[in-house]
Amino acid sequence: MSFCRRAGVALAFLLGVGAYFVSFLNEPRISELGLTPSAHAQVIRNLIARLRGQTLPDGIVKSNGRLEATQVDVSSKYPGRLSEVTVEEGSNVTPGQVIAKITSPEYEAQLRAAKADVQKANDALAAAEAEIASRQSALEFAKSDFERGQELMKTGFITKQVFEQRKRNYDSAVAAVQSYTSQRDQALSQIANAEAEVDRIQSIIDDLTLVSPRLGRVQYQLARAGEVVAAGAPIVTILDLTDVYMTIFLPAADAGKLGVGDEARIILDPVPDYVVPAKISFVAADAQFTPKTVETRDERAKLMFRIKLKIDPEILQAFYTRVKTGVRGLGFVRTKQDVEWPADLQVRLPALPEAKAPDAKASEANPPEAKAPDAKSPNAK
């Protein structure tokens, strides 16, 4: 009974499809489209043949796939509380654009303490330099007194005891200058250490301002203002719309003939009239659908390998506002490089939109600045 029921359903479906085509090919409908019955029937036959891959020349194969883009998670290196998130899901972002800010009173207090240590070390340096100047003048006097004593000792005008006293004064002055010079060097070292600590804490505070690493679109907003985030927790996920590709799967017999850099074509289901050029950027080394080790020829025929067809970044830059991910379509590759692309797979692109993607290099050099709110605006408060 179940087999008869399935056969009846299949027969009803075929009859329904036949009735649809009969009604679709009637004279009023065809006259509205400006086609003759034979011409429209040929269009239907070509469409069915194209979907089945029967019209493709030998050396060109196709497979179903969908558009994907490289995803980048923007997260904080340090824990803290989100003070604001300046983007939403669907927002376009440029490199260097501020995405979120995190506050951390602990690091701010550490920064103030480090700056106080720098000031303390500078004060110690100033005191050491003043002492060195004072001791240097005493050293010069002791040195001249000692040198005069040497001359007087030769003539016998001073006693040996007086001469030795002058020598001790000179040695003491030299030791004092060396001692305060060492204190000055120590103060300089303390200044360097304190300034390095200031730079370290300041870099942490700078990293609490999260910026976009790439040109793209916000796919997910994973945290909201006011939430406490841990180190490494993603805040937003960005799609890099200059790195878009289609993933397809081909059997081993076809995948083995492909090379990285070979030309490819992509036709998307929503816009089947356009043919997008692409290049093979990746051919998987391992099969996806069957065990890694197979022994028979029939089983090897079932091996499917993942292929990535990457779209030209210049085309993505031109059609930046129209790029969508997750769109289904067909990917075409050539297993024979000497085969020419047929007429229906020649590159055809829509007219260029007025709005293009901003230049990534210019955005990095001149990141967008936050504008002050208008005082007359109702949201100024």
Protein backbone atom coordinates (compact mmCIF):
# COMPACT_ATOMS: atom_id res chain seq x y z
CA MET A 1 0.00 0.00 0.00
CA SER A 2 2.79 2.42 0.80
CA PHE A 3 4.42 1.85 -2.61
CA CYS A 4 1.13 2.41 -4.43
CA ARG A 5 0.51 5.54 -2.42
CA ARG A 6 3.97 6.96 -3.28
CA ALA A 7 3.45 6.09 -6.94
CA GLY A 8 0.09 7.86 -6.90
CA VAL A 9 1.59 10.98 -5.34
CA ALA A 10 4.41 11.03 -7.92
CA LEU A 11 1.92 10.61 -10.78
CA ALA A 12 -0.23 13.43 -9.44
CA PHE A 13 2.83 15.66 -9.17
CA LEU A 14 3.88 14.95 -12.77
CA LEU A 15 0.35 15.60 -14.00
CA GLY A 16 0.30 18.86 -12.08
CA VAL A 17 3.61 19.96 -13.53
CA GLY A 18 2.44 19.04 -17.00
CA ALA A 19 -0.77 20.98 -16.53
CA TYR A 20 1.24 23.99 -15.31
CA PHE A 21 3.42 24.00 -18.40
CA VAL A 22 0.42 23.55 -20.66
CA SER A 23 -1.32 26.51 -19.05
CA PHE A 24 1.93 28.51 -19.03
CA LEU A 25 2.50 27.93 -22.73
CA ASN A 26 -1.00 29.00 -23.85
CA GLU A 27 -1.33 31.76 -26.38
CA PRO A 28 -2.43 34.70 -24.12
CA ARG A 29 0.40 34.14 -21.65
CA ILE A 30 3.02 33.78 -24.37
CA SER A 31 1.75 36.86 -26.20
CA GLU A 32 2.12 38.86 -23.00
CA LEU A 33 5.77 37.85 -22.80
CA GLY A 34 6.38 38.53 -26.48
CA LEU A 35 7.50 34.96 -27.18
CA THR A 36 6.32 32.31 -29.61
CA PRO A 37 5.32 28.93 -28.16
CA SER A 38 8.36 27.24 -29.63
CA ALA A 39 10.74 29.96 -28.39
CA HIS A 40 9.33 29.83 -24.86
CA ALA A 41 9.49 26.06 -24.81
CA GLN A 42 13.14 26.31 -25.84
CA VAL A 43 13.77 28.72 -22.93
CA ILE A 44 12.24 26.19 -20.53
CA ARG A 45 14.29 23.37 -21.99
CA ASN A 46 17.50 25.43 -21.77
CA LEU A 47 16.77 26.29 -18.14
CA ILE A 48 16.18 22.64 -17.21
CA ALA A 49 19.30 21.55 -19.10
CA ARG A 50 21.37 24.25 -17.41
CA LEU A 51 20.21 23.20 -13.97
CA ARG A 52 21.09 19.61 -14.78
CA GLY A 53 24.49 20.64 -16.12
CA GLN A 54 23.72 19.17 -19.56
CA THR A 55 24.66 22.32 -21.49
CA LEU A 56 28.14 22.65 -19.98
CA PRO A 57 30.97 21.77 -22.35
CA ASP A 58 33.42 19.04 -21.52
CA GLY A 59 36.03 20.45 -19.12
CA ILE A 60 33.68 22.68 -17.10
CA VAL A 61 31.94 21.43 -13.98
CA LYS A 62 29.61 23.07 -11.51
CA SER A 63 28.51 22.63 -7.93
CA ASN A 64 26.14 24.27 -5.49
CA GLY A 65 27.54 26.59 -2.85
CA ARG A 66 26.94 29.71 -0.82
CA LEU A 67 28.77 32.97 -0.28
CA GLU A 68 30.79 33.33 2.89
CA ALA A 69 33.06 36.04 4.28
CA THR A 70 35.95 36.06 6.72
CA GLN A 71 34.70 36.74 10.24
CA VAL A 72 36.71 38.70 12.78
CA ASP A 73 35.84 38.83 16.49
CA VAL A 74 36.68 42.14 18.17
CA SER A 75 37.42 41.54 21.83
CA SER A 76 39.21 43.22 24.71
CA LYS A 77 42.63 42.10 25.96
CA TYR A 78 41.71 43.15 29.51
CA PRO A 79 38.60 42.88 31.68
CA GLY A 80 36.40 45.83 32.46
CA ARG A 81 32.94 47.35 32.12
CA LEU A 82 31.56 48.41 28.73
CA SER A 83 30.85 52.11 28.88
CA GLU A 84 29.51 52.36 25.33
CA VAL A 85 29.14 50.45 22.07
CA THR A 86 29.10 52.78 19.08
CA VAL A 87 27.94 50.28 16.41
CA GLU A 88 24.97 48.00 15.87
CA GLU A 89 24.33 44.88 13.86
CA GLY A 90 24.42 45.79 10.16
CA SER A 91 26.65 48.86 10.65
CA ASN A 92 29.46 49.36 8.16
CA VAL A 93 32.83 49.95 9.79
CA THR A 94 36.24 51.08 8.56
CA PRO A 95 39.73 50.24 9.87
CA GLY A 96 40.49 52.27 13.00
CA GLN A 97 36.87 53.22 13.68
CA VAL A 98 35.97 53.17 17.39
CA ILE A 99 33.60 50.28 18.11
CA ALA A 100 33.37 50.21 21.91
CA LYS A 101 34.98 51.64 25.05
CA ILE A 102 35.72 49.87 28.31
CA THR A 103 36.28 51.63 31.63
CA SER A 104 38.63 50.31 34.33
CA PRO A 105 39.12 52.49 37.45
CA GLU A 106 41.84 50.09 38.64
CA TYR A 107 44.12 50.79 35.69
CA GLU A 108 43.43 54.51 35.89
CA ALA A 109 44.51 54.49 39.57
CA GLN A 110 47.64 52.54 38.65
CA LEU A 111 48.41 55.13 35.99
CA ARG A 112 48.21 57.96 38.51
CA ALA A 113 50.49 56.06 40.90
CA ALA A 114 53.02 55.43 38.12
CA LYS A 115 53.05 59.12 37.18
CA ALA A 116 53.66 59.98 40.85
CA ASP A 117 56.64 57.60 40.84
CA VAL A 118 58.01 59.43 37.80
CA GLN A 119 57.75 62.75 39.62
CA LYS A 120 59.42 61.30 42.70
CA ALA A 121 62.32 59.98 40.64
CA ASN A 122 62.70 63.36 38.93
CA ASP A 123 62.89 65.06 42.33
CA ALA A 124 65.58 62.59 43.43
CA LEU A 125 67.50 63.34 40.25
CA ALA A 126 67.34 67.09 40.86
CA ALA A 127 68.58 66.66 44.45
CA ALA A 128 71.45 64.44 43.32
CA GLU A 129 72.53 66.90 40.63
CA ALA A 130 72.47 69.77 43.18
CA GLU A 131 74.64 67.78 45.58
CA ILE A 132 77.02 66.89 42.78
CA ALA A 133 77.43 70.58 41.93
CA SER A 134 78.11 71.41 45.60
CA ARG A 135 80.54 68.54 46.07
CA GLN A 136 82.29 69.35 42.81
CA SER A 137 83.23 72.82 44.03
CA ALA A 138 84.52 71.33 47.31
CA LEU A 139 86.53 68.82 45.29
CA GLU A 140 88.15 71.53 43.23
CA PHE A 141 89.18 73.41 46.40
CA ALA A 142 90.54 70.22 48.03
CA LYS A 143 92.43 69.32 44.89
CA SER A 144 94.13 72.72 44.61
CA ASP A 145 94.95 72.64 48.35
CA PHE A 146 96.46 69.17 47.97
CA GLU A 147 98.56 70.21 44.96
CA ARG A 148 99.91 73.24 46.86
CA GLY A 149 100.77 70.95 49.76
CA GLN A 150 102.85 68.77 47.47
CA GLU A 151 104.95 71.75 46.45
CA LEU A 152 105.31 72.96 50.03
CA MET A 153 106.41 69.52 51.20
CA LYS A 154 109.31 69.63 48.78
CA THR A 155 110.59 72.90 50.33
CA GLY A 156 109.73 71.86 53.89
CA PHE A 157 107.31 74.77 54.62
CA ILE A 158 104.59 72.37 55.95
CA THR A 159 104.76 69.33 58.09
CA LYS A 160 103.95 65.86 56.90
CA GLN A 161 100.92 65.77 59.17
CA VAL A 162 99.37 68.84 57.51
CA PHE A 163 100.07 67.40 54.08
CA GLU A 164 98.36 64.13 54.95
CA GLN A 165 95.32 66.07 56.24
CA ARG A 166 95.04 67.88 52.90
CA LYS A 167 95.32 64.54 51.09
CA ARG A 168 92.52 63.05 53.21
CA ASN A 169 90.31 66.07 52.43
CA TYR A 170 90.95 65.61 48.73
CA ASP A 171 90.16 61.89 48.81
CA SER A 172 86.99 62.55 50.80
CA ALA A 173 85.82 65.14 48.25
CA VAL A 174 86.44 62.69 45.38
CA ALA A 175 84.45 59.97 47.20
CA ALA A 176 81.57 62.38 47.86
CA VAL A 177 81.32 63.34 44.17
CA GLN A 178 81.34 59.68 43.17
CA SER A 179 78.65 58.86 45.73
CA TYR A 180 76.24 61.53 44.52
CA THR A 181 77.02 60.66 40.90
CA SER A 182 75.90 57.13 41.70
CA GLN A 183 72.72 58.53 43.26
CA ARG A 184 72.10 60.55 40.10
CA ASP A 185 72.50 57.42 37.94
CA GLN A 186 70.13 55.55 40.24
CA ALA A 187 67.58 58.36 39.93
CA LEU A 188 67.87 58.20 36.13
CA SER A 189 67.24 54.46 36.25
CA GLN A 190 64.21 54.98 38.48
CA ILE A 191 62.87 57.56 36.04
CA ALA A 192 63.25 55.12 33.15
CA ASN A 193 61.48 52.36 35.09
CA ALA A 194 58.68 54.66 36.20
CA GLU A 195 58.15 56.00 32.68
CA ALA A 196 58.09 52.44 31.31
CA GLU A 197 55.41 51.59 33.87
CA VAL A 198 53.43 54.65 32.79
CA ASP A 199 53.71 53.56 29.15
CA ARG A 200 52.62 50.02 30.03
CA ILE A 201 49.53 51.12 31.93
CA GLN A 202 48.73 53.74 29.29
CA SER A 203 48.89 51.07 26.57
CA ILE A 204 46.43 48.98 28.59
CA ILE A 205 44.06 51.95 28.86
CA ASP A 206 44.45 52.61 25.13
CA ASP A 207 43.58 48.99 24.40
CA LEU A 208 40.36 49.47 26.33
CA THR A 209 39.16 51.51 23.36
CA LEU A 210 38.24 48.87 20.78
CA VAL A 211 38.63 49.74 17.10
CA SER A 212 37.72 47.89 13.92
CA PRO A 213 40.66 45.95 12.47
CA ARG A 214 39.15 45.69 8.98
CA LEU A 215 36.73 47.16 6.48
CA GLY A 216 33.46 45.30 6.86
CA ARG A 217 30.02 45.03 8.37
CA VAL A 218 28.95 44.18 11.91
CA GLN A 219 27.39 40.72 11.87
CA TYR A 220 26.70 40.22 15.59
CA GLN A 221 26.70 42.49 18.63
CA LEU A 222 27.50 40.15 21.51
CA ALA A 223 27.65 42.61 24.43
CA ARG A 224 25.81 45.76 25.46
CA ALA A 225 26.84 48.90 27.31
CA GLY A 226 26.99 48.42 31.05
CA GLU A 227 28.00 44.76 30.94
CA VAL A 228 31.20 43.52 32.58
CA VAL A 229 33.33 41.65 30.05
CA ALA A 230 36.19 39.26 30.66
CA ALA A 231 39.56 39.36 28.93
CA GLY A 232 39.22 37.93 25.44
CA ALA A 233 35.41 38.01 25.42
CA PRO A 234 34.15 39.05 21.94
CA ILE A 235 32.17 42.28 21.78
CA VAL A 236 31.17 42.30 18.10
CA THR A 237 31.75 40.06 15.08
CA ILE A 238 32.73 41.78 11.84
CA LEU A 239 32.42 40.37 8.33
CA ASP A 240 35.32 41.36 6.10
CA LEU A 241 33.43 42.23 2.91
CA THR A 242 36.66 42.48 0.92
CA ASP A 243 37.32 38.75 1.52
CA VAL A 244 34.22 36.98 0.19
CA TYR A 245 34.24 33.51 -1.30
CA MET A 246 31.96 30.63 -2.26
CA THR A 247 32.52 27.14 -0.88
CA ILE A 248 31.70 24.25 -3.22
CA PHE A 249 32.35 20.50 -3.14
CA LEU A 250 33.61 18.46 -6.08
CA PRO A 251 34.47 14.79 -6.51
CA ALA A 252 38.08 13.70 -6.39
CA ALA A 253 38.27 13.21 -10.16
CA ASP A 254 37.48 16.91 -10.75
CA ALA A 255 39.19 18.38 -7.69
CA GLY A 256 42.48 16.74 -8.63
CA LYS A 257 42.59 18.73 -11.89
CA LEU A 258 42.21 22.12 -10.22
CA GLY A 259 44.97 24.44 -9.10
CA VAL A 260 45.09 27.47 -6.84
CA GLY A 261 44.70 30.59 -8.96
CA ASP A 262 42.57 29.00 -11.69
CA GLU A 263 39.65 31.02 -13.02
CA ALA A 264 36.10 30.31 -11.87
CA ARG A 265 32.62 31.73 -12.28
CA ILE A 266 29.81 32.28 -9.78
CA ILE A 267 26.08 32.66 -10.51
CA LEU A 268 23.88 33.60 -7.56
CA ASP A 269 20.29 32.44 -7.23
CA PRO A 270 18.80 35.92 -6.52
CA VAL A 271 20.51 37.43 -9.60
CA PRO A 272 20.91 34.63 -12.16
CA ASP A 273 21.45 37.10 -15.01
CA TYR A 274 24.89 38.10 -13.70
CA VAL A 275 28.11 36.09 -13.85
CA VAL A 276 30.71 36.99 -11.22
CA PRO A 277 34.39 36.24 -11.89
CA ALA A 278 36.36 34.44 -9.20
CA LYS A 279 39.54 32.45 -8.64
CA ILE A 280 40.26 29.21 -6.85
CA SER A 281 41.97 30.15 -3.59
CA PHE A 282 41.89 26.79 -1.78
CA VAL A 283 41.62 23.09 -2.61
CA ALA A 284 41.21 20.81 0.38
CA ALA A 285 43.74 18.05 0.88
CA ASP A 286 41.31 15.78 2.74
CA ALA A 287 37.95 14.40 1.64
CA GLN A 288 34.83 15.60 3.42
CA PHE A 289 32.04 13.07 2.91
CA THR A 290 33.66 9.63 3.13
CA PRO A 291 36.27 7.95 5.37
CA LYS A 292 39.84 9.04 4.82
CA THR A 293 40.92 5.53 3.74
CA VAL A 294 38.98 3.71 1.02
CA GLU A 295 39.96 0.61 -0.90
CA THR A 296 37.62 0.31 -3.88
CA ARG A 297 37.19 2.47 -6.96
CA ASP A 298 33.47 2.95 -6.33
CA GLU A 299 34.12 4.32 -2.88
CA ARG A 300 36.81 6.69 -4.18
CA ALA A 301 34.25 8.12 -6.59
CA LYS A 302 32.25 9.34 -3.59
CA LEU A 303 35.11 11.40 -2.19
CA MET A 304 34.19 15.09 -2.16
CA PHE A 305 36.74 17.87 -1.67
CA ARG A 306 36.10 21.39 -0.47
CA ILE A 307 36.94 24.19 -2.93
CA LYS A 308 36.96 27.93 -2.24
CA LEU A 309 36.17 30.36 -5.05
CA LYS A 310 37.33 33.83 -4.01
CA ILE A 311 35.78 36.90 -5.60
CA ASP A 312 38.06 39.67 -6.84
CA PRO A 313 38.48 42.26 -4.02
CA GLU A 314 38.22 45.12 -6.55
CA ILE A 315 34.74 43.93 -7.54
CA LEU A 316 33.76 43.65 -3.90
CA GLN A 317 35.07 47.19 -3.34
CA ALA A 318 32.93 48.49 -6.20
CA PHE A 319 29.75 46.67 -5.10
CA TYR A 320 30.39 47.06 -1.39
CA THR A 321 26.84 48.11 -0.51
CA ARG A 322 25.32 45.10 -2.29
CA VAL A 323 27.52 42.36 -0.88
CA LYS A 324 25.56 39.79 1.14
CA THR A 325 26.74 36.56 2.71
CA GLY A 326 24.81 33.31 2.92
CA VAL A 327 23.44 33.73 -0.63
CA ARG A 328 23.12 30.43 -2.50
CA GLY A 329 24.27 29.87 -6.04
CA LEU A 330 26.37 27.84 -8.45
CA GLY A 331 30.12 27.75 -8.83
CA PHE A 332 31.74 26.81 -12.14
CA VAL A 333 35.35 25.69 -12.57
CA ARG A 334 37.42 24.43 -15.50
CA THR A 335 39.06 21.03 -15.27
CA LYS A 336 40.67 21.73 -18.66
CA GLN A 337 42.40 25.07 -18.89
CA ASP A 338 42.27 25.17 -22.71
CA VAL A 339 38.46 25.14 -22.71
CA GLU A 340 36.86 28.54 -23.37
CA TRP A 341 34.07 29.78 -21.16
CA PRO A 342 30.73 29.50 -22.99
CA ALA A 343 28.68 32.59 -23.81
CA ASP A 344 26.33 32.13 -20.83
CA LEU A 345 29.34 32.07 -18.46
CA GLN A 346 31.06 35.19 -19.73
CA VAL A 347 31.47 37.85 -17.05
CA ARG A 348 28.37 40.01 -16.68
CA LEU A 349 28.10 42.48 -13.82
CA PRO A 350 25.41 45.04 -12.96
CA ALA A 351 25.91 48.76 -13.30
CA LEU A 352 28.25 50.23 -10.71
CA PRO A 353 26.44 51.74 -7.70
CA GLU A 354 27.10 55.32 -6.71
CA ALA A 355 28.28 54.42 -3.19
CA LYS A 356 31.53 52.48 -2.98
CA ALA A 357 33.45 51.12 -0.05
CA PRO A 358 35.77 53.64 1.62
CA ASP A 359 39.46 53.26 0.98
CA ALA A 360 40.91 51.12 3.78
CA LYS A 361 44.33 52.83 3.68
CA ALA A 362 42.78 56.28 3.82
CA SER A 363 40.59 55.19 6.71
CA GLU A 364 43.63 53.96 8.64
CA ALA A 365 45.47 57.22 8.02
CA ASN A 366 42.44 59.38 8.89
CA PRO A 367 40.14 57.47 11.26
CA PRO A 368 36.60 58.88 11.57
CA GLU A 369 36.22 61.47 14.28
CA ALA A 370 33.27 61.65 16.61
CA LYS A 371 31.13 64.72 15.89
CA ALA A 372 29.83 66.88 18.70
CA PRO A 373 26.02 66.75 19.07
CA ASP A 374 24.00 69.71 17.88
CA ALA A 375 22.90 71.86 20.80
CA LYS A 376 19.48 72.33 19.14
CA SER A 377 19.00 68.64 18.57
CA PRO A 378 16.37 66.96 20.80
CA ASN A 379 18.96 64.24 21.58
CA ALA A 380 21.62 66.71 22.69
CA LYS A 381 20.61 66.31 26.30
